[in-house]
Amino acid sequence: MLDNMLSMMEIYSSRLEQLVADRTAELAQEKAKTDRLLYLMLPPSVAEQLKSGRTVVPEFFDAVSIFFSDIVGFTNIASQSKPLEVVELLNDLYTAFDDVIFMHDVYKVETIGDAYMCVSGCPRRNGRRHASEIAEMALDLICTVASVKVRHRPSESLQLRVGLHTGPCAAGVVGVAMPRYCLFGDTVNMASRMESTGKALHIHISSDMQTALEELNCGFLTLERGFIQVKGKGITKTYWLVGREGYTKPLPPSFTVLRQVLEDVNSRPPSPSNASLNVGDGMYSALRKTSLAVSGITMMSESDDGSVVAPCSPVRSESGVDTSFPFPRRHRISNDTSNSIPVVTQNDDAFDETDDVRTKTVTIAVEDPKQQGTIPRIEIS
């Protein structure tokens, strides 16, 4: 009987050991799942501090680069779709985006609807490399969005609008029950403004971002957009990121147009000392020291009478309407504006028909920073 009892105890002990091993393995698997979810919600370094019970102290970063994007026309798509179809679309889009982000030294801060926010250089500092990381990622995402299909609307194509800015910011964890890693500072606001004032299938960058990319000398190509009105900032010079030397992924046609304009601008001889107007798709370079932004005009040359004549070529307005005409357009500059800041104040889409000639007038007010009010204007017909 004693032998039987000992035998049963051995069997029970072995089963108990196996049960403990199984439970331990299950616990490890569940812990790994929990950690993965936590690392998706928070940066790994921050998550480790929270797991160990330590308080996450807010940090200040001297320089980071921030990415903002949204889908142009998403509100219209969502209004004509069922809620589950919208969820499906965003899931497909963000799954594709997350795969791209994984290839770069970038942290996804948050998504709100179709808005997407990322940062490089925070919380993991990477020297000055943050600018090139976020710019390269932006190019990759522009390429990726073309492959994302709207399942319930196959004919619909998604158009990404991107804004980039670099500068200082503070970062820390906000909340206890549902902690979130948040960024604070004017850099966040400026990056958001770059996105909101940009265009579909364009990467709009600030002058600080352009300077950072230029200093890195990594082959990024930028085209001056000109001076635009930025809420809370006033008149600000901005740029388009149009590519990178050696970049082989297929970019949208809009980038091809901007690259052609950039090559044309770089190949043009220096402008004469007298005031002249050089116009490119998405950019006006006006007068000797200033530039301004009006989209859709091709490069021009100056005629003998002092006006500027554009070749006959397609021109599209912001609404996408073809406004090209079968004749040269003449552009005259009134008064000297060499020390002024040009600002687009009116874009008249109405057409005048006089002697079978249709014209479109864009009035550009030029503000003198030393004087009150608006002074000389450039009228383009």
Protein backbone atom coordinates (compact mmCIF):
# COMPACT_ATOMS: atom_id res chain seq x y z
CA MET A 1 0.00 0.00 0.00
CA LEU A 2 2.85 2.35 0.81
CA ASP A 3 4.36 1.65 -2.59
CA ASN A 4 1.06 2.52 -4.26
CA MET A 5 0.84 5.78 -2.34
CA LEU A 6 4.38 6.74 -3.31
CA SER A 7 3.66 5.90 -6.94
CA MET A 8 0.51 8.04 -6.94
CA MET A 9 2.39 10.93 -5.34
CA GLU A 10 5.07 10.76 -8.01
CA ILE A 11 2.43 10.80 -10.76
CA TYR A 12 0.63 13.71 -9.10
CA SER A 13 3.90 15.58 -8.66
CA SER A 14 4.87 15.17 -12.31
CA ARG A 15 1.42 16.30 -13.45
CA LEU A 16 1.62 19.28 -11.12
CA GLU A 17 5.01 20.25 -12.52
CA GLN A 18 3.65 20.00 -16.06
CA LEU A 19 0.61 22.08 -15.10
CA VAL A 20 2.82 24.74 -13.53
CA ALA A 21 5.02 24.78 -16.65
CA ASP A 22 1.98 25.14 -18.92
CA ARG A 23 0.53 27.93 -16.82
CA THR A 24 3.89 29.69 -16.72
CA ALA A 25 4.15 29.50 -20.53
CA GLU A 26 0.62 30.87 -20.90
CA LEU A 27 1.44 33.69 -18.49
CA ALA A 28 4.56 34.54 -20.48
CA GLN A 29 2.54 34.61 -23.70
CA GLU A 30 -0.09 36.88 -22.20
CA LYS A 31 2.61 39.14 -20.77
CA ALA A 32 4.23 39.37 -24.21
CA LYS A 33 0.87 40.32 -25.74
CA THR A 34 0.35 42.96 -23.08
CA ASP A 35 3.84 44.36 -23.66
CA ARG A 36 3.27 44.50 -27.42
CA LEU A 37 0.03 46.41 -26.93
CA LEU A 38 1.72 48.76 -24.46
CA TYR A 39 4.59 49.37 -26.87
CA LEU A 40 2.06 50.21 -29.59
CA MET A 41 0.44 52.80 -27.32
CA LEU A 42 3.65 54.27 -25.90
CA PRO A 43 7.32 54.45 -26.88
CA PRO A 44 9.24 51.41 -25.52
CA SER A 45 11.47 53.55 -23.29
CA VAL A 46 8.43 55.25 -21.77
CA ALA A 47 6.56 51.95 -21.42
CA GLU A 48 9.46 50.41 -19.48
CA GLN A 49 9.39 53.28 -17.01
CA LEU A 50 5.66 52.84 -16.45
CA LYS A 51 6.01 49.06 -16.02
CA SER A 52 8.65 49.55 -13.35
CA GLY A 53 6.39 51.97 -11.48
CA ARG A 54 8.53 55.02 -12.13
CA THR A 55 7.15 58.45 -12.98
CA VAL A 56 7.76 59.52 -16.57
CA VAL A 57 9.38 62.95 -16.42
CA PRO A 58 8.57 65.27 -19.37
CA GLU A 59 11.53 65.96 -21.65
CA PHE A 60 12.55 68.88 -23.82
CA PHE A 61 14.01 68.19 -27.26
CA ASP A 62 16.09 70.84 -29.00
CA ALA A 63 15.17 69.63 -32.48
CA VAL A 64 12.67 67.12 -33.82
CA SER A 65 10.86 66.77 -37.14
CA ILE A 66 7.09 66.37 -37.19
CA PHE A 67 4.85 64.93 -39.91
CA PHE A 68 1.15 65.68 -40.38
CA SER A 69 -1.07 64.28 -43.10
CA ASP A 70 -4.70 63.89 -44.01
CA ILE A 71 -6.75 62.58 -46.91
CA VAL A 72 -8.11 65.32 -49.16
CA GLY A 73 -11.84 64.83 -49.65
CA PHE A 74 -12.13 62.28 -46.86
CA THR A 75 -15.19 64.03 -45.39
CA ASN A 76 -17.00 63.62 -48.69
CA ILE A 77 -16.02 59.95 -48.92
CA ALA A 78 -17.12 59.29 -45.34
CA SER A 79 -20.46 61.04 -45.83
CA GLN A 80 -21.24 58.75 -48.76
CA SER A 81 -20.09 55.56 -47.03
CA LYS A 82 -21.42 53.31 -44.31
CA PRO A 83 -19.66 53.50 -40.92
CA LEU A 84 -18.18 50.01 -41.27
CA GLU A 85 -16.89 50.91 -44.74
CA VAL A 86 -15.10 53.95 -43.29
CA VAL A 87 -13.54 51.77 -40.59
CA GLU A 88 -12.42 49.30 -43.25
CA LEU A 89 -10.89 52.08 -45.35
CA LEU A 90 -8.96 53.61 -42.45
CA ASN A 91 -7.77 50.18 -41.33
CA ASP A 92 -6.40 49.44 -44.82
CA LEU A 93 -4.78 52.88 -45.01
CA TYR A 94 -3.14 52.82 -41.60
CA THR A 95 -1.98 49.23 -41.97
CA ALA A 96 -0.12 50.29 -45.12
CA PHE A 97 1.25 53.38 -43.35
CA ASP A 98 2.42 51.40 -40.33
CA ASP A 99 4.42 49.07 -42.58
CA VAL A 100 6.24 52.10 -44.01
CA ILE A 101 6.87 53.70 -40.62
CA PHE A 102 8.46 50.48 -39.37
CA MET A 103 11.23 51.00 -41.94
CA HIS A 104 12.21 54.43 -40.56
CA ASP A 105 13.39 55.91 -37.27
CA VAL A 106 9.97 57.45 -36.68
CA TYR A 107 7.37 57.21 -33.93
CA LYS A 108 3.64 57.39 -34.67
CA VAL A 109 2.17 59.81 -32.15
CA GLU A 110 -1.53 59.51 -32.94
CA THR A 111 -4.27 59.17 -35.53
CA ILE A 112 -7.53 61.11 -35.44
CA GLY A 113 -9.89 60.10 -38.21
CA ASP A 114 -7.92 60.50 -41.42
CA ALA A 115 -5.26 62.68 -39.74
CA TYR A 116 -1.90 61.04 -39.10
CA MET A 117 0.91 62.43 -36.92
CA CYS A 118 4.49 61.16 -36.62
CA VAL A 119 7.74 62.43 -35.13
CA SER A 120 11.42 61.65 -35.55
CA GLY A 121 14.08 62.55 -33.00
CA CYS A 122 11.66 61.98 -30.12
CA PRO A 123 11.59 60.15 -27.75
CA ARG A 124 14.75 58.55 -29.14
CA ARG A 125 17.22 61.25 -30.05
CA ASN A 126 19.03 60.72 -33.35
CA GLY A 127 21.16 63.83 -33.76
CA ARG A 128 20.26 65.77 -36.91
CA ARG A 129 19.05 62.70 -38.76
CA HIS A 130 15.42 63.34 -37.80
CA ALA A 131 14.87 65.68 -40.76
CA SER A 132 15.99 63.16 -43.37
CA GLU A 133 14.10 60.31 -41.67
CA ILE A 134 10.78 62.16 -41.68
CA ALA A 135 11.30 63.49 -45.23
CA GLU A 136 12.13 60.04 -46.60
CA MET A 137 9.12 58.58 -44.82
CA ALA A 138 6.88 61.30 -46.29
CA LEU A 139 8.02 60.40 -49.82
CA ASP A 140 7.38 56.71 -49.12
CA LEU A 141 3.89 57.40 -47.78
CA ILE A 142 3.01 59.50 -50.83
CA CYS A 143 4.00 56.49 -52.96
CA THR A 144 2.15 54.04 -50.71
CA VAL A 145 -1.19 55.85 -50.69
CA ALA A 146 -1.55 55.22 -54.43
CA SER A 147 -1.68 51.46 -53.76
CA VAL A 148 -4.43 51.72 -51.13
CA LYS A 149 -7.77 50.95 -52.72
CA VAL A 150 -11.17 52.01 -51.44
CA ARG A 151 -12.92 48.64 -51.48
CA HIS A 152 -16.48 49.92 -51.60
CA ARG A 153 -15.60 52.64 -54.14
CA PRO A 154 -13.04 51.10 -56.54
CA SER A 155 -12.97 54.16 -58.79
CA GLU A 156 -12.02 56.44 -55.88
CA SER A 157 -8.34 57.32 -55.45
CA LEU A 158 -6.94 58.61 -52.18
CA GLN A 159 -4.92 61.83 -52.21
CA LEU A 160 -2.57 62.48 -49.32
CA ARG A 161 -1.70 66.01 -48.19
CA VAL A 162 1.48 66.26 -46.11
CA GLY A 163 3.10 68.96 -43.98
CA LEU A 164 6.55 68.86 -42.35
CA HIS A 165 8.31 71.13 -39.89
CA THR A 166 11.36 70.88 -37.65
CA GLY A 167 12.06 72.61 -34.36
CA PRO A 168 12.09 72.21 -30.56
CA CYS A 169 9.30 70.60 -28.55
CA ALA A 170 8.44 69.11 -25.17
CA ALA A 171 7.07 65.59 -24.76
CA GLY A 172 5.59 63.59 -21.92
CA VAL A 173 2.90 61.17 -20.79
CA VAL A 174 -0.55 62.60 -20.14
CA GLY A 175 -3.19 60.64 -18.22
CA VAL A 176 -3.18 57.76 -15.73
CA ALA A 177 -6.02 55.40 -16.61
CA MET A 178 -5.25 55.72 -20.34
CA PRO A 179 -1.77 57.26 -20.62
CA ARG A 180 -0.80 58.92 -23.89
CA TYR A 181 2.54 60.18 -25.11
CA CYS A 182 1.97 63.74 -26.33
CA LEU A 183 4.06 66.48 -27.93
CA PHE A 184 3.77 70.14 -27.00
CA GLY A 185 5.10 73.34 -28.49
CA ASP A 186 4.92 75.68 -31.44
CA THR A 187 6.68 73.12 -33.65
CA VAL A 188 3.60 70.88 -33.49
CA ASN A 189 1.35 73.78 -34.46
CA MET A 190 3.58 74.83 -37.36
CA ALA A 191 3.74 71.29 -38.75
CA SER A 192 -0.05 71.15 -38.64
CA ARG A 193 -0.25 74.49 -40.48
CA MET A 194 2.07 73.18 -43.18
CA GLU A 195 -0.34 70.30 -43.75
CA SER A 196 -3.51 72.41 -43.73
CA THR A 197 -2.08 74.98 -46.18
CA GLY A 198 -0.66 72.34 -48.49
CA LYS A 199 -2.12 70.63 -51.54
CA ALA A 200 -3.20 67.12 -52.45
CA LEU A 201 -0.29 64.84 -53.37
CA HIS A 202 2.24 67.47 -52.30
CA ILE A 203 4.69 67.59 -49.40
CA HIS A 204 4.63 71.10 -47.95
CA ILE A 205 7.60 72.00 -45.75
CA SER A 206 8.61 75.02 -43.71
CA SER A 207 11.73 77.08 -44.33
CA ASP A 208 13.26 75.56 -41.16
CA MET A 209 12.70 72.09 -42.57
CA GLN A 210 14.20 73.10 -45.90
CA THR A 211 17.26 74.50 -44.13
CA ALA A 212 17.68 71.31 -42.07
CA LEU A 213 17.53 69.13 -45.20
CA GLU A 214 19.96 71.41 -47.02
CA GLU A 215 22.46 71.24 -44.14
CA LEU A 216 22.29 67.44 -44.12
CA ASN A 217 23.25 67.41 -47.81
CA CYS A 218 21.40 64.12 -48.37
CA GLY A 219 20.18 64.94 -51.87
CA PHE A 220 16.66 66.10 -51.03
CA LEU A 221 15.18 68.39 -53.68
CA THR A 222 13.02 71.35 -52.69
CA LEU A 223 11.19 73.99 -54.69
CA GLU A 224 10.36 77.37 -53.22
CA ARG A 225 6.60 77.83 -53.01
CA GLY A 226 6.79 81.44 -51.91
CA PHE A 227 5.25 83.52 -49.16
CA ILE A 228 1.89 82.38 -47.80
CA GLN A 229 -0.34 83.50 -44.96
CA VAL A 230 -0.02 81.08 -42.03
CA LYS A 231 -2.48 81.43 -39.17
CA GLY A 232 -0.70 82.67 -36.07
CA LYS A 233 2.54 83.21 -38.02
CA GLY A 234 1.72 85.84 -40.61
CA ILE A 235 3.56 85.86 -43.92
CA THR A 236 5.87 82.84 -44.10
CA LYS A 237 8.09 81.46 -46.84
CA THR A 238 7.51 77.75 -47.51
CA TYR A 239 8.73 75.07 -49.90
CA TRP A 240 7.66 71.89 -51.67
CA LEU A 241 9.64 68.71 -51.13
CA VAL A 242 9.81 67.33 -54.66
CA GLY A 243 12.01 64.26 -54.25
CA ARG A 244 15.47 63.00 -53.52
CA GLU A 245 18.40 62.23 -55.77
CA GLY A 246 18.46 58.52 -56.49
CA TYR A 247 14.91 57.96 -55.22
CA THR A 248 13.46 55.21 -57.43
CA LYS A 249 9.95 54.63 -56.08
CA PRO A 250 7.13 55.91 -58.33
CA LEU A 251 5.91 59.33 -57.21
CA PRO A 252 2.63 60.95 -58.36
CA PRO A 253 2.56 63.09 -61.54
CA SER A 254 2.43 66.23 -59.40
CA PHE A 255 6.01 65.53 -58.31
CA THR A 256 7.11 65.14 -61.93
CA VAL A 257 5.69 68.59 -62.70
CA LEU A 258 7.46 70.14 -59.71
CA ARG A 259 10.75 68.46 -60.67
CA GLN A 260 10.45 69.89 -64.19
CA VAL A 261 9.82 73.35 -62.78
CA LEU A 262 12.81 72.99 -60.45
CA GLU A 263 15.06 71.95 -63.33
CA ASP A 264 13.75 74.84 -65.43
CA VAL A 265 14.34 77.33 -62.62
CA ASN A 266 17.87 76.04 -62.01
CA SER A 267 18.72 76.21 -65.72
CA ARG A 268 17.53 79.81 -66.18
CA PRO A 269 20.15 82.57 -66.26
CA PRO A 270 20.16 85.15 -63.44
CA SER A 271 17.31 87.65 -63.75
CA PRO A 272 18.17 91.18 -64.97
CA SER A 273 18.52 94.00 -62.50
CA ASN A 274 15.12 95.42 -63.46
CA ALA A 275 12.03 93.92 -61.85
CA SER A 276 10.78 90.76 -63.56
CA LEU A 277 8.32 87.97 -62.82
CA ASN A 278 9.21 84.29 -63.11
CA VAL A 279 6.26 81.96 -62.75
CA GLY A 280 6.23 78.20 -62.16
CA ASP A 281 3.61 75.55 -61.46
CA GLY A 282 2.84 76.06 -57.81
CA MET A 283 5.20 79.02 -57.43
CA TYR A 284 5.69 82.62 -58.45
CA SER A 285 9.14 84.09 -57.92
CA ALA A 286 8.32 87.77 -58.07
CA LEU A 287 10.75 90.67 -58.23
CA ARG A 288 14.35 90.58 -57.13
CA LYS A 289 14.00 89.57 -53.49
CA THR A 290 10.48 88.24 -53.01
CA SER A 291 8.30 85.37 -54.15
CA LEU A 292 4.67 84.36 -53.81
CA ALA A 293 2.48 81.36 -54.43
CA VAL A 294 -0.14 80.92 -57.13
CA SER A 295 -0.58 77.48 -58.67
CA GLY A 296 -0.77 76.30 -62.21
CA ILE A 297 1.23 78.78 -64.35
CA THR A 298 4.07 77.73 -66.66
CA MET A 299 7.47 79.37 -67.02
CA MET A 300 7.46 82.77 -68.77
CA SER A 301 9.76 85.09 -70.70
CA GLU A 302 9.88 88.88 -70.84
CA SER A 303 8.86 90.63 -74.07
CA ASP A 304 10.22 93.85 -75.56
CA ASP A 305 7.48 96.04 -74.10
CA GLY A 306 8.24 94.96 -70.53
CA SER A 307 5.36 92.55 -70.13
CA VAL A 308 5.82 88.85 -69.49
CA VAL A 309 4.50 86.36 -72.03
CA ALA A 310 3.70 82.75 -71.18
CA PRO A 311 3.69 79.94 -73.74
CA CYS A 312 0.36 78.27 -74.52
CA SER A 313 0.08 75.37 -72.08
CA PRO A 314 -2.58 73.81 -69.83
CA VAL A 315 -3.22 75.66 -66.60
CA ARG A 316 -5.50 74.36 -63.89
CA SER A 317 -7.10 76.30 -61.08
CA GLU A 318 -7.33 75.11 -57.48
CA SER A 319 -10.75 73.58 -58.29
CA GLY A 320 -9.23 71.47 -61.04
CA VAL A 321 -10.92 73.39 -63.89
CA ASP A 322 -8.80 73.69 -67.01
CA THR A 323 -8.26 77.42 -67.54
CA SER A 324 -5.77 77.26 -70.40
CA PHE A 325 -6.36 79.43 -73.44
CA PRO A 326 -5.09 79.17 -77.04
CA PHE A 327 -3.06 82.37 -76.84
CA PRO A 328 -0.17 83.83 -74.81
CA ARG A 329 -1.02 85.49 -71.50
CA ARG A 330 0.61 88.81 -70.68
CA HIS A 331 1.54 89.75 -67.14
CA ARG A 332 2.35 93.29 -66.07
CA ILE A 333 3.80 94.57 -62.83
CA SER A 334 2.61 97.94 -61.54
CA ASN A 335 4.96 100.04 -59.37
CA ASP A 336 8.13 98.94 -57.65
CA THR A 337 7.65 96.17 -55.10
CA SER A 338 11.25 95.13 -54.58
CA ASN A 339 11.06 95.81 -50.83
CA SER A 340 7.55 94.49 -50.29
CA ILE A 341 5.96 91.18 -49.39
CA PRO A 342 3.59 89.83 -52.05
CA VAL A 343 0.37 88.17 -50.89
CA VAL A 344 -2.41 86.63 -52.92
CA THR A 345 -5.55 88.51 -51.91
CA GLN A 346 -7.96 87.68 -54.72
CA ASN A 347 -8.36 84.82 -57.18
CA ASP A 348 -11.14 85.68 -59.60
CA ASP A 349 -12.36 82.59 -61.43
CA ALA A 350 -14.84 84.57 -63.56
CA PHE A 351 -14.07 84.88 -67.26
CA ASP A 352 -14.60 87.95 -69.42
CA GLU A 353 -15.51 87.48 -73.06
CA THR A 354 -14.42 90.42 -75.19
CA ASP A 355 -13.97 90.00 -78.92
CA ASP A 356 -13.96 86.22 -78.49
CA VAL A 357 -11.09 86.50 -76.00
CA ARG A 358 -11.42 84.88 -72.60
CA THR A 359 -9.19 86.05 -69.78
CA LYS A 360 -8.69 85.14 -66.15
CA THR A 361 -7.45 87.79 -63.74
CA VAL A 362 -5.54 87.02 -60.58
CA THR A 363 -4.96 90.06 -58.38
CA ILE A 364 -1.99 89.89 -56.05
CA ALA A 365 -1.74 92.53 -53.35
CA VAL A 366 1.71 93.45 -52.15
CA GLU A 367 2.13 94.52 -48.55
CA ASP A 368 4.93 96.82 -47.50
CA PRO A 369 6.11 95.78 -44.02
CA LYS A 370 7.13 99.40 -43.36
CA GLN A 371 3.74 100.87 -44.19
CA GLN A 372 0.14 100.30 -43.18
CA GLY A 373 -2.34 98.82 -45.62
CA THR A 374 -1.91 97.38 -49.06
CA ILE A 375 0.15 99.06 -51.78
CA PRO A 376 1.11 98.17 -55.37
CA ARG A 377 -0.57 95.17 -56.97
CA ILE A 378 0.39 92.68 -59.65
CA GLU A 379 -2.50 92.01 -61.99
CA ILE A 380 -2.17 88.86 -64.07
CA SER A 381 -4.54 88.32 -67.00
